[in-house]
Amino acid sequence: MSLFNVTTKLWPSGESLDTGTDDNVVSVPPGSASFDRHAALFVTSPDGTENFEFLFWNTGRNLTNKRHVHWDFSAGGWTTWTATKWYGVPPSNGNGGHEVRVDPFSIASNGPLTGSGTAIDPSASSFPPGSYPDMGDDHLIDTENGAVDVAAKGSLASQQFAGWDQLIWGGDDSGTFYESDAGASQGSPGFYPVGSGTFHVAQGGSAILLALYGNSSIRKFYKENLKSELDVAKSFVSDFPKLKDNEGDPYQQYVGDPQWMRVIRLIVERSDQLQQQVTELRSFIRAHERPQVGREVLKVSGQQRSRKRGRKR
């Protein structure tokens, strides 16, 4: 059995707001389950002193500013599916005048991406000279002197860009957003959407945008982690002296060498550790894709060298 639950959070802090319990047990497959939720325009703090206005839903897979969302579950295979209504306090100056603000948001972790820098990719964006960064803030672009087409970085905090969402106070009360668990399973690399393109804001216009991120950016993870680990292993192996043709099979020479065996153990242990880290980023290293190590591989290598020496004679 699985659990579909609905929570409420405050923008931009991510603080949870107690608006009651909405937990629902789901047993699929077989069969299916459907849920409808219509977010209230305003909610009040538990002490009754503050009112918060609706901004958007994190449906558990997508972001939408529609207040009415419908979920269809039939695939199953997940343990908990959390949908979150986000509310906040509108700024006193509306959307802030003639500027575009971009904040990165992780659908996967259900909150703003802080500490990872700006989501704006200035090299792929189009804006008038001197418009970015606005007032020294790399989250802002000024539109006073011309239109803006803002592009987001393809990956941020090891997550792939998943698209844009414009914050609209009060949301959109027309129509319904439909969500489901069909397609890629929860936790797989393709579960969240993949975004592309720029967001256009006319000259003198304003917008508060969320640059959304979701799926794990495995290419970036490999570049920053796996390559460095392979370099470390290579540095150990490079310390071994090169053998002359008449010095025999390298495995036979180093089979009893403690340093050689430590290198083999290091490679295997680091491979296992990195596999676990990639798994936690909703990806995996398949067993058959691991580099082979051990006696059999070295035997093959020795046989290949022997054949080459035979050809030289």
C-alpha atoms as a PDB file:
ATOM      1  CA  MET A   1       0.000   0.000   0.000  1.00  0.00           C
ATOM      2  CA  SER A   2       1.059   3.588  -0.668  1.00  0.00           C
ATOM      3  CA  LEU A   3       0.268   6.990   0.809  1.00  0.00           C
ATOM      4  CA  PHE A   4      -0.908  10.114  -1.019  1.00  0.00           C
ATOM      5  CA  ASN A   5      -0.639  13.131   1.249  1.00  0.00           C
ATOM      6  CA  VAL A   6      -1.201  16.867   0.835  1.00  0.00           C
ATOM      7  CA  THR A   7       0.826  19.457   2.724  1.00  0.00           C
ATOM      8  CA  THR A   8       1.060  23.262   2.858  1.00  0.00           C
ATOM      9  CA  LYS A   9       4.223  25.380   2.790  1.00  0.00           C
ATOM     10  CA  LEU A  10       5.120  29.062   2.824  1.00  0.00           C
ATOM     11  CA  TRP A  11       7.069  30.820   0.095  1.00  0.00           C
ATOM     12  CA  PRO A  12       9.970  31.484   0.080  1.00  0.00           C
ATOM     13  CA  SER A  13      11.059  30.055   3.450  1.00  0.00           C
ATOM     14  CA  GLY A  14       9.698  26.546   2.864  1.00  0.00           C
ATOM     15  CA  GLU A  15       8.239  26.538   6.371  1.00  0.00           C
ATOM     16  CA  SER A  16       5.402  24.064   6.833  1.00  0.00           C
ATOM     17  CA  LEU A  17       1.972  25.497   7.622  1.00  0.00           C
ATOM     18  CA  ASP A  18      -0.516  23.413   9.568  1.00  0.00           C
ATOM     19  CA  THR A  19      -3.791  23.412   7.623  1.00  0.00           C
ATOM     20  CA  GLY A  20      -4.975  20.007   8.774  1.00  0.00           C
ATOM     21  CA  THR A  21      -4.141  16.416   7.853  1.00  0.00           C
ATOM     22  CA  ASP A  22      -4.814  15.106   4.361  1.00  0.00           C
ATOM     23  CA  ASP A  23      -3.397  11.554   4.227  1.00  0.00           C
ATOM     24  CA  ASN A  24      -4.875   8.949   1.895  1.00  0.00           C
ATOM     25  CA  VAL A  25      -4.014   5.244   1.586  1.00  0.00           C
ATOM     26  CA  VAL A  26      -3.657   4.110  -2.034  1.00  0.00           C
ATOM     27  CA  SER A  27      -3.624   0.473  -3.210  1.00  0.00           C
ATOM     28  CA  VAL A  28      -2.676   0.349  -6.896  1.00  0.00           C
ATOM     29  CA  PRO A  29      -2.379  -1.766  -8.895  1.00  0.00           C
ATOM     30  CA  PRO A  30      -4.767  -3.481  -9.295  1.00  0.00           C
ATOM     31  CA  GLY A  31      -7.370  -0.878 -10.048  1.00  0.00           C
ATOM     32  CA  SER A  32      -6.804   2.860  -9.833  1.00  0.00           C
ATOM     33  CA  ALA A  33      -7.348   5.813  -7.498  1.00  0.00           C
ATOM     34  CA  SER A  34      -8.244   9.440  -8.213  1.00  0.00           C
ATOM     35  CA  PHE A  35      -8.119  12.584  -6.102  1.00  0.00           C
ATOM     36  CA  ASP A  36      -9.311  16.157  -6.606  1.00  0.00           C
ATOM     37  CA  ARG A  37      -8.062  19.096  -4.583  1.00  0.00           C
ATOM     38  CA  HIS A  38      -9.036  22.757  -4.920  1.00  0.00           C
ATOM     39  CA  ALA A  39      -6.665  25.111  -3.098  1.00  0.00           C
ATOM     40  CA  ALA A  40      -8.258  27.954  -1.180  1.00  0.00           C
ATOM     41  CA  LEU A  41      -7.361  31.470  -2.290  1.00  0.00           C
ATOM     42  CA  PHE A  42      -6.229  32.352   1.252  1.00  0.00           C
ATOM     43  CA  VAL A  43      -5.171  30.397   4.333  1.00  0.00           C
ATOM     44  CA  THR A  44      -4.663  31.722   7.837  1.00  0.00           C
ATOM     45  CA  SER A  45      -1.836  31.053  10.264  1.00  0.00           C
ATOM     46  CA  PRO A  46      -2.725  28.778  13.214  1.00  0.00           C
ATOM     47  CA  ASP A  47      -2.751  31.759  15.583  1.00  0.00           C
ATOM     48  CA  GLY A  48      -5.095  33.691  13.270  1.00  0.00           C
ATOM     49  CA  THR A  49      -2.791  36.686  12.905  1.00  0.00           C
ATOM     50  CA  GLU A  50      -1.669  36.306   9.273  1.00  0.00           C
ATOM     51  CA  ASN A  51      -3.267  35.580   5.921  1.00  0.00           C
ATOM     52  CA  PHE A  52      -1.356  33.931   3.112  1.00  0.00           C
ATOM     53  CA  GLU A  53      -2.281  33.966  -0.574  1.00  0.00           C
ATOM     54  CA  PHE A  54      -2.071  30.976  -2.919  1.00  0.00           C
ATOM     55  CA  LEU A  55       0.879  30.777  -5.336  1.00  0.00           C
ATOM     56  CA  PHE A  56       1.307  27.286  -6.829  1.00  0.00           C
ATOM     57  CA  TRP A  57       1.003  23.530  -6.409  1.00  0.00           C
ATOM     58  CA  ASN A  58       3.915  21.149  -6.411  1.00  0.00           C
ATOM     59  CA  THR A  59       1.876  18.173  -7.611  1.00  0.00           C
ATOM     60  CA  GLY A  60       4.666  15.760  -6.699  1.00  0.00           C
ATOM     61  CA  ARG A  61       5.899  15.757 -10.280  1.00  0.00           C
ATOM     62  CA  ASN A  62       5.141  19.163 -11.788  1.00  0.00           C
ATOM     63  CA  LEU A  63       4.517  22.759 -10.741  1.00  0.00           C
ATOM     64  CA  THR A  64       1.318  24.572 -11.677  1.00  0.00           C
ATOM     65  CA  ASN A  65      -0.311  27.820 -10.603  1.00  0.00           C
ATOM     66  CA  LYS A  66      -3.766  26.355 -11.210  1.00  0.00           C
ATOM     67  CA  ARG A  67      -5.663  26.028  -7.950  1.00  0.00           C
ATOM     68  CA  HIS A  68      -7.583  22.920  -9.030  1.00  0.00           C
ATOM     69  CA  VAL A  69      -5.543  19.701  -9.506  1.00  0.00           C
ATOM     70  CA  HIS A  70      -6.698  16.157 -10.338  1.00  0.00           C
ATOM     71  CA  TRP A  71      -4.497  13.090  -9.702  1.00  0.00           C
ATOM     72  CA  ASP A  72      -4.908   9.682 -11.351  1.00  0.00           C
ATOM     73  CA  PHE A  73      -2.894   6.807  -9.901  1.00  0.00           C
ATOM     74  CA  SER A  74      -2.750   3.407 -11.602  1.00  0.00           C
ATOM     75  CA  ALA A  75       0.919   2.436 -12.112  1.00  0.00           C
ATOM     76  CA  GLY A  76       1.867   2.265  -8.439  1.00  0.00           C
ATOM     77  CA  GLY A  77       5.325   1.185  -7.382  1.00  0.00           C
ATOM     78  CA  TRP A  78       5.846   4.181  -5.093  1.00  0.00           C
ATOM     79  CA  THR A  79       5.615   4.466  -1.308  1.00  0.00           C
ATOM     80  CA  THR A  80       4.652   8.108  -0.668  1.00  0.00           C
ATOM     81  CA  TRP A  81       3.405  10.742  -3.094  1.00  0.00           C
ATOM     82  CA  THR A  82       3.391  14.241  -1.604  1.00  0.00           C
ATOM     83  CA  ALA A  83       1.548  17.188  -3.132  1.00  0.00           C
ATOM     84  CA  THR A  84       2.143  20.643  -1.663  1.00  0.00           C
ATOM     85  CA  LYS A  85       0.163  23.879  -1.790  1.00  0.00           C
ATOM     86  CA  TRP A  86       2.482  26.890  -1.605  1.00  0.00           C
ATOM     87  CA  TYR A  87       1.299  30.216  -0.151  1.00  0.00           C
ATOM     88  CA  GLY A  88       2.961  33.520   0.629  1.00  0.00           C
ATOM     89  CA  VAL A  89       2.592  37.206   1.397  1.00  0.00           C
ATOM     90  CA  PRO A  90       2.442  39.449  -1.722  1.00  0.00           C
ATOM     91  CA  PRO A  91       5.106  42.194  -1.812  1.00  0.00           C
ATOM     92  CA  SER A  92       3.854  45.708  -1.180  1.00  0.00           C
ATOM     93  CA  ASN A  93       5.233  46.872  -4.550  1.00  0.00           C
ATOM     94  CA  GLY A  94       3.519  44.148  -6.574  1.00  0.00           C
ATOM     95  CA  ASN A  95       5.996  42.330  -8.843  1.00  0.00           C
ATOM     96  CA  GLY A  96       8.764  44.844  -8.191  1.00  0.00           C
ATOM     97  CA  GLY A  97       8.496  47.245 -11.166  1.00  0.00           C
ATOM     98  CA  HIS A  98      10.385  46.787 -14.453  1.00  0.00           C
ATOM     99  CA  GLU A  99      12.452  43.755 -13.543  1.00  0.00           C
ATOM    100  CA  VAL A 100      12.561  39.992 -13.942  1.00  0.00           C
ATOM    101  CA  ARG A 101      13.406  37.922 -10.892  1.00  0.00           C
ATOM    102  CA  VAL A 102      14.479  34.272 -11.251  1.00  0.00           C
ATOM    103  CA  ASP A 103      14.700  31.870  -8.320  1.00  0.00           C
ATOM    104  CA  PRO A 104      15.724  28.185  -8.705  1.00  0.00           C
ATOM    105  CA  PHE A 105      13.261  25.645  -7.316  1.00  0.00           C
ATOM    106  CA  SER A 106      13.686  21.883  -6.945  1.00  0.00           C
ATOM    107  CA  ILE A 107      10.556  19.871  -7.664  1.00  0.00           C
ATOM    108  CA  ALA A 108      12.328  16.801  -6.305  1.00  0.00           C
ATOM    109  CA  SER A 109      13.245  18.270  -2.912  1.00  0.00           C
ATOM    110  CA  ASN A 110      10.126  20.478  -2.860  1.00  0.00           C
ATOM    111  CA  GLY A 111      11.807  23.768  -2.083  1.00  0.00           C
ATOM    112  CA  PRO A 112      14.030  26.626  -3.262  1.00  0.00           C
ATOM    113  CA  LEU A 113      17.595  25.738  -4.254  1.00  0.00           C
ATOM    114  CA  THR A 114      19.673  27.902  -1.952  1.00  0.00           C
ATOM    115  CA  GLY A 115      23.435  28.099  -1.873  1.00  0.00           C
ATOM    116  CA  SER A 116      23.774  27.035  -5.517  1.00  0.00           C
ATOM    117  CA  GLY A 117      23.965  30.491  -7.089  1.00  0.00           C
ATOM    118  CA  THR A 118      21.740  31.991  -9.748  1.00  0.00           C
ATOM    119  CA  ALA A 119      19.762  29.915 -12.220  1.00  0.00           C
ATOM    120  CA  ILE A 120      20.146  32.571 -14.933  1.00  0.00           C
ATOM    121  CA  ASP A 121      22.442  31.668 -17.821  1.00  0.00           C
ATOM    122  CA  PRO A 122      23.571  35.113 -19.077  1.00  0.00           C
ATOM    123  CA  SER A 123      25.392  33.707 -22.123  1.00  0.00           C
ATOM    124  CA  ALA A 124      22.165  32.122 -23.432  1.00  0.00           C
ATOM    125  CA  SER A 125      19.889  35.018 -22.404  1.00  0.00           C
ATOM    126  CA  SER A 126      19.093  38.204 -24.314  1.00  0.00           C
ATOM    127  CA  PHE A 127      18.832  41.567 -22.550  1.00  0.00           C
ATOM    128  CA  PRO A 128      19.899  45.206 -23.090  1.00  0.00           C
ATOM    129  CA  PRO A 129      23.486  46.108 -22.140  1.00  0.00           C
ATOM    130  CA  GLY A 130      23.831  46.930 -18.467  1.00  0.00           C
ATOM    131  CA  SER A 131      20.551  45.252 -17.533  1.00  0.00           C
ATOM    132  CA  TYR A 132      22.150  42.277 -15.784  1.00  0.00           C
ATOM    133  CA  PRO A 133      22.839  41.859 -12.982  1.00  0.00           C
ATOM    134  CA  ASP A 134      20.356  44.480 -11.854  1.00  0.00           C
ATOM    135  CA  MET A 135      21.613  46.457  -8.843  1.00  0.00           C
ATOM    136  CA  GLY A 136      24.339  43.847  -8.400  1.00  0.00           C
ATOM    137  CA  ASP A 137      21.816  41.025  -7.845  1.00  0.00           C
ATOM    138  CA  ASP A 138      22.440  38.097 -10.214  1.00  0.00           C
ATOM    139  CA  HIS A 139      18.830  36.949  -9.718  1.00  0.00           C
ATOM    140  CA  LEU A 140      17.477  40.158 -11.337  1.00  0.00           C
ATOM    141  CA  ILE A 141      17.336  41.530 -14.909  1.00  0.00           C
ATOM    142  CA  ASP A 142      16.131  45.099 -15.611  1.00  0.00           C
ATOM    143  CA  THR A 143      13.584  45.525 -18.443  1.00  0.00           C
ATOM    144  CA  GLU A 144      13.424  49.332 -18.466  1.00  0.00           C
ATOM    145  CA  ASN A 145      15.577  49.682 -21.593  1.00  0.00           C
ATOM    146  CA  GLY A 146      14.356  46.700 -23.572  1.00  0.00           C
ATOM    147  CA  ALA A 147      12.732  43.284 -23.705  1.00  0.00           C
ATOM    148  CA  VAL A 148      14.312  40.276 -22.027  1.00  0.00           C
ATOM    149  CA  ASP A 149      14.547  36.628 -23.024  1.00  0.00           C
ATOM    150  CA  VAL A 150      15.936  34.839 -19.997  1.00  0.00           C
ATOM    151  CA  ALA A 151      17.505  31.383 -20.218  1.00  0.00           C
ATOM    152  CA  ALA A 152      18.134  29.045 -17.300  1.00  0.00           C
ATOM    153  CA  LYS A 153      21.218  26.963 -16.661  1.00  0.00           C
ATOM    154  CA  GLY A 154      20.827  23.421 -17.963  1.00  0.00           C
ATOM    155  CA  SER A 155      21.780  21.970 -14.602  1.00  0.00           C
ATOM    156  CA  LEU A 156      22.014  23.306 -11.083  1.00  0.00           C
ATOM    157  CA  ALA A 157      22.863  21.507  -7.842  1.00  0.00           C
ATOM    158  CA  SER A 158      23.259  18.285  -9.911  1.00  0.00           C
ATOM    159  CA  GLN A 159      19.655  18.535 -11.172  1.00  0.00           C
ATOM    160  CA  GLN A 160      18.409  19.071 -14.717  1.00  0.00           C
ATOM    161  CA  PHE A 161      16.364  22.063 -15.804  1.00  0.00           C
ATOM    162  CA  ALA A 162      12.654  21.147 -15.826  1.00  0.00           C
ATOM    163  CA  GLY A 163      10.990  24.297 -17.189  1.00  0.00           C
ATOM    164  CA  TRP A 164       9.570  27.646 -16.066  1.00  0.00           C
ATOM    165  CA  ASP A 165       6.770  28.667 -13.749  1.00  0.00           C
ATOM    166  CA  GLN A 166       5.632  32.262 -13.312  1.00  0.00           C
ATOM    167  CA  LEU A 167       4.455  33.154  -9.837  1.00  0.00           C
ATOM    168  CA  ILE A 168       0.975  34.679  -9.955  1.00  0.00           C
ATOM    169  CA  TRP A 169      -0.507  35.797  -6.669  1.00  0.00           C
ATOM    170  CA  GLY A 170      -3.838  34.073  -6.238  1.00  0.00           C
ATOM    171  CA  GLY A 171      -2.972  31.531  -8.926  1.00  0.00           C
ATOM    172  CA  ASP A 172      -5.294  30.550 -11.744  1.00  0.00           C
ATOM    173  CA  ASP A 173      -8.767  29.418 -10.727  1.00  0.00           C
ATOM    174  CA  SER A 174      -9.830  28.441 -14.258  1.00  0.00           C
ATOM    175  CA  GLY A 175      -9.544  24.871 -15.474  1.00  0.00           C
ATOM    176  CA  THR A 176      -7.787  21.894 -13.942  1.00  0.00           C
ATOM    177  CA  PHE A 177      -4.254  20.554 -13.963  1.00  0.00           C
ATOM    178  CA  TYR A 178      -4.154  16.771 -14.462  1.00  0.00           C
ATOM    179  CA  GLU A 179      -1.413  14.725 -12.827  1.00  0.00           C
ATOM    180  CA  SER A 180      -0.690  10.970 -12.883  1.00  0.00           C
ATOM    181  CA  ASP A 181       1.912   8.352 -12.000  1.00  0.00           C
ATOM    182  CA  ALA A 182       2.054   7.003 -15.576  1.00  0.00           C
ATOM    183  CA  GLY A 183       5.324   6.825 -17.466  1.00  0.00           C
ATOM    184  CA  ALA A 184       8.717   6.835 -15.760  1.00  0.00           C
ATOM    185  CA  SER A 185       8.553   5.553 -12.204  1.00  0.00           C
ATOM    186  CA  GLN A 186       9.123   7.711  -9.154  1.00  0.00           C
ATOM    187  CA  GLY A 187      12.844   7.907  -8.427  1.00  0.00           C
ATOM    188  CA  SER A 188      13.949   7.111 -11.991  1.00  0.00           C
ATOM    189  CA  PRO A 189      16.015   9.638 -14.016  1.00  0.00           C
ATOM    190  CA  GLY A 190      13.084  10.541 -16.316  1.00  0.00           C
ATOM    191  CA  PHE A 191      10.389  11.016 -13.683  1.00  0.00           C
ATOM    192  CA  TYR A 192      10.335  14.827 -13.747  1.00  0.00           C
ATOM    193  CA  PRO A 193       9.844  16.951 -16.876  1.00  0.00           C
ATOM    194  CA  VAL A 194      12.768  18.200 -18.952  1.00  0.00           C
ATOM    195  CA  GLY A 195      12.636  21.890 -19.833  1.00  0.00           C
ATOM    196  CA  SER A 196      14.122  24.046 -22.565  1.00  0.00           C
ATOM    197  CA  GLY A 197      13.791  27.480 -24.100  1.00  0.00           C
ATOM    198  CA  THR A 198      13.690  31.025 -22.782  1.00  0.00           C
ATOM    199  CA  PHE A 199      11.035  33.084 -21.003  1.00  0.00           C
ATOM    200  CA  HIS A 200      10.124  36.382 -22.704  1.00  0.00           C
ATOM    201  CA  VAL A 201       9.298  39.568 -20.820  1.00  0.00           C
ATOM    202  CA  ALA A 202       8.396  42.720 -22.753  1.00  0.00           C
ATOM    203  CA  GLN A 203      10.162  46.046 -22.271  1.00  0.00           C
ATOM    204  CA  GLY A 204       9.041  47.664 -19.022  1.00  0.00           C
ATOM    205  CA  GLY A 205       7.379  44.424 -17.905  1.00  0.00           C
ATOM    206  CA  SER A 206       7.950  42.453 -14.748  1.00  0.00           C
ATOM    207  CA  ALA A 207       7.827  38.812 -13.730  1.00  0.00           C
ATOM    208  CA  ILE A 208       8.742  36.595 -10.811  1.00  0.00           C
ATOM    209  CA  LEU A 209       9.922  33.293 -12.268  1.00  0.00           C
ATOM    210  CA  LEU A 210      10.821  29.914 -10.880  1.00  0.00           C
ATOM    211  CA  ALA A 211      13.479  28.035 -12.823  1.00  0.00           C
ATOM    212  CA  LEU A 212      12.479  24.453 -12.070  1.00  0.00           C
ATOM    213  CA  TYR A 213      14.868  21.533 -11.566  1.00  0.00           C
ATOM    214  CA  GLY A 214      14.123  17.855 -11.066  1.00  0.00           C
ATOM    215  CA  ASN A 215      15.936  14.901 -12.619  1.00  0.00           C
ATOM    216  CA  SER A 216      19.492  14.145 -11.523  1.00  0.00           C
ATOM    217  CA  SER A 217      22.176  15.565 -13.784  1.00  0.00           C
ATOM    218  CA  ILE A 218      24.331  12.426 -14.034  1.00  0.00           C
ATOM    219  CA  ARG A 219      26.758  13.926 -16.550  1.00  0.00           C
ATOM    220  CA  LYS A 220      27.718  16.620 -14.066  1.00  0.00           C
ATOM    221  CA  PHE A 221      27.967  14.091 -11.236  1.00  0.00           C
ATOM    222  CA  TYR A 222      30.318  11.927 -13.305  1.00  0.00           C
ATOM    223  CA  LYS A 223      32.485  14.873 -14.291  1.00  0.00           C
ATOM    224  CA  GLU A 224      32.877  16.112 -10.715  1.00  0.00           C
ATOM    225  CA  ASN A 225      33.195  12.771  -8.900  1.00  0.00           C
ATOM    226  CA  LEU A 226      33.914   9.637 -10.930  1.00  0.00           C
ATOM    227  CA  LYS A 227      36.688  11.168 -13.019  1.00  0.00           C
ATOM    228  CA  SER A 228      38.569  12.357  -9.940  1.00  0.00           C
ATOM    229  CA  GLU A 229      38.304   8.873  -8.411  1.00  0.00           C
ATOM    230  CA  LEU A 230      39.724   7.262 -11.544  1.00  0.00           C
ATOM    231  CA  ASP A 231      42.601   9.742 -11.525  1.00  0.00           C
ATOM    232  CA  VAL A 232      43.425   8.705  -7.948  1.00  0.00           C
ATOM    233  CA  ALA A 233      43.483   5.023  -8.915  1.00  0.00           C
ATOM    234  CA  LYS A 234      45.684   5.792 -11.933  1.00  0.00           C
ATOM    235  CA  SER A 235      48.165   7.616  -9.706  1.00  0.00           C
ATOM    236  CA  PHE A 236      48.656   4.423  -7.664  1.00  0.00           C
ATOM    237  CA  VAL A 237      49.092   2.198 -10.716  1.00  0.00           C
ATOM    238  CA  SER A 238      51.547   4.624 -12.338  1.00  0.00           C
ATOM    239  CA  ASP A 239      53.986   4.016  -9.464  1.00  0.00           C
ATOM    240  CA  PHE A 240      54.625   0.432 -10.627  1.00  0.00           C
ATOM    241  CA  PRO A 241      57.782  -0.058 -12.753  1.00  0.00           C
ATOM    242  CA  LYS A 242      57.290  -0.917 -16.398  1.00  0.00           C
ATOM    243  CA  LEU A 243      58.233  -4.494 -17.284  1.00  0.00           C
ATOM    244  CA  LYS A 244      60.575  -5.572 -20.033  1.00  0.00           C
ATOM    245  CA  ASP A 245      59.427  -8.272 -22.439  1.00  0.00           C
ATOM    246  CA  ASN A 246      61.520 -10.960 -20.736  1.00  0.00           C
ATOM    247  CA  GLU A 247      60.256 -10.233 -17.231  1.00  0.00           C
ATOM    248  CA  GLY A 248      57.180 -12.419 -17.601  1.00  0.00           C
ATOM    249  CA  ASP A 249      53.492 -12.051 -16.721  1.00  0.00           C
ATOM    250  CA  PRO A 250      52.938  -8.891 -14.612  1.00  0.00           C
ATOM    251  CA  TYR A 251      50.260 -10.709 -12.590  1.00  0.00           C
ATOM    252  CA  GLN A 252      52.761 -13.386 -11.555  1.00  0.00           C
ATOM    253  CA  GLN A 253      55.245 -10.706 -10.495  1.00  0.00           C
ATOM    254  CA  TYR A 254      52.816  -8.631  -8.445  1.00  0.00           C
ATOM    255  CA  VAL A 255      50.378 -11.267  -7.221  1.00  0.00           C
ATOM    256  CA  GLY A 256      52.004 -11.260  -3.808  1.00  0.00           C
ATOM    257  CA  ASP A 257      52.686  -7.522  -3.694  1.00  0.00           C
ATOM    258  CA  PRO A 258      50.633  -5.919  -0.852  1.00  0.00           C
ATOM    259  CA  GLN A 259      50.612  -2.540  -2.619  1.00  0.00           C
ATOM    260  CA  TRP A 260      49.123  -4.046  -5.774  1.00  0.00           C
ATOM    261  CA  MET A 261      46.383  -5.788  -3.809  1.00  0.00           C
ATOM    262  CA  ARG A 262      45.600  -2.530  -1.970  1.00  0.00           C
ATOM    263  CA  VAL A 263      45.089  -0.841  -5.323  1.00  0.00           C
ATOM    264  CA  ILE A 264      42.678  -3.567  -6.425  1.00  0.00           C
ATOM    265  CA  ARG A 265      40.721  -3.267  -3.167  1.00  0.00           C
ATOM    266  CA  LEU A 266      40.675   0.534  -3.491  1.00  0.00           C
ATOM    267  CA  ILE A 267      39.208   0.406  -6.980  1.00  0.00           C
ATOM    268  CA  VAL A 268      36.508  -2.066  -5.955  1.00  0.00           C
ATOM    269  CA  GLU A 269      35.628  -0.198  -2.750  1.00  0.00           C
ATOM    270  CA  ARG A 270      35.413   3.191  -4.462  1.00  0.00           C
ATOM    271  CA  SER A 271      33.309   1.678  -7.252  1.00  0.00           C
ATOM    272  CA  ASP A 272      30.839   0.393  -4.652  1.00  0.00           C
ATOM    273  CA  GLN A 273      30.756   3.717  -2.789  1.00  0.00           C
ATOM    274  CA  LEU A 274      30.189   5.730  -5.946  1.00  0.00           C
ATOM    275  CA  GLN A 275      27.473   3.343  -7.077  1.00  0.00           C
ATOM    276  CA  GLN A 276      25.614   4.027  -3.833  1.00  0.00           C
ATOM    277  CA  GLN A 277      26.016   7.808  -4.266  1.00  0.00           C
ATOM    278  CA  VAL A 278      24.657   7.716  -7.807  1.00  0.00           C
ATOM    279  CA  THR A 279      21.743   5.558  -6.628  1.00  0.00           C
ATOM    280  CA  GLU A 280      20.870   8.224  -4.078  1.00  0.00           C
ATOM    281  CA  LEU A 281      20.751  10.748  -6.959  1.00  0.00           C
ATOM    282  CA  ARG A 282      18.054   8.598  -8.592  1.00  0.00           C
ATOM    283  CA  SER A 283      20.353   6.980 -11.071  1.00  0.00           C
ATOM    284  CA  PHE A 284      22.453   3.813 -11.053  1.00  0.00           C
ATOM    285  CA  ILE A 285      25.577   2.071 -12.317  1.00  0.00           C
ATOM    286  CA  ARG A 286      24.607  -1.295 -13.735  1.00  0.00           C
ATOM    287  CA  ALA A 287      26.715  -4.227 -12.595  1.00  0.00           C
ATOM    288  CA  HIS A 288      27.714  -5.138 -16.155  1.00  0.00           C
ATOM    289  CA  GLU A 289      28.996  -1.581 -16.738  1.00  0.00           C
ATOM    290  CA  ARG A 290      31.618  -1.743 -13.976  1.00  0.00           C
ATOM    291  CA  PRO A 291      35.271  -2.033 -15.086  1.00  0.00           C
ATOM    292  CA  GLN A 292      36.490  -5.592 -14.624  1.00  0.00           C
ATOM    293  CA  VAL A 293      39.259  -6.231 -12.110  1.00  0.00           C
ATOM    294  CA  GLY A 294      41.060  -9.301 -10.780  1.00  0.00           C
ATOM    295  CA  ARG A 295      43.077 -12.321 -11.886  1.00  0.00           C
ATOM    296  CA  GLU A 296      41.091 -13.214 -15.001  1.00  0.00           C
ATOM    297  CA  VAL A 297      41.403  -9.751 -16.512  1.00  0.00           C
ATOM    298  CA  LEU A 298      45.159  -9.681 -15.840  1.00  0.00           C
ATOM    299  CA  LYS A 299      45.523 -13.154 -17.385  1.00  0.00           C
ATOM    300  CA  VAL A 300      43.867 -11.898 -20.592  1.00  0.00           C
ATOM    301  CA  SER A 301      46.175  -8.872 -20.561  1.00  0.00           C
ATOM    302  CA  GLY A 302      49.219 -11.136 -20.180  1.00  0.00           C
ATOM    303  CA  GLN A 303      48.081 -13.366 -23.024  1.00  0.00           C
ATOM    304  CA  GLN A 304      47.645 -10.327 -25.281  1.00  0.00           C
ATOM    305  CA  ARG A 305      51.187  -9.164 -24.496  1.00  0.00           C
ATOM    306  CA  SER A 306      52.533 -12.674 -25.228  1.00  0.00           C
ATOM    307  CA  ARG A 307      50.841 -12.677 -28.651  1.00  0.00           C
ATOM    308  CA  LYS A 308      52.339  -9.258 -29.426  1.00  0.00           C
ATOM    309  CA  ARG A 309      55.854 -10.490 -28.507  1.00  0.00           C
ATOM    310  CA  GLY A 310      55.345 -13.516 -30.763  1.00  0.00           C
ATOM    311  CA  ARG A 311      54.478 -11.286 -33.699  1.00  0.00           C
ATOM    312  CA  LYS A 312      57.637  -9.186 -33.127  1.00  0.00           C
ATOM    313  CA  ARG A 313      59.825 -12.276 -33.485  1.00  0.00           C
END
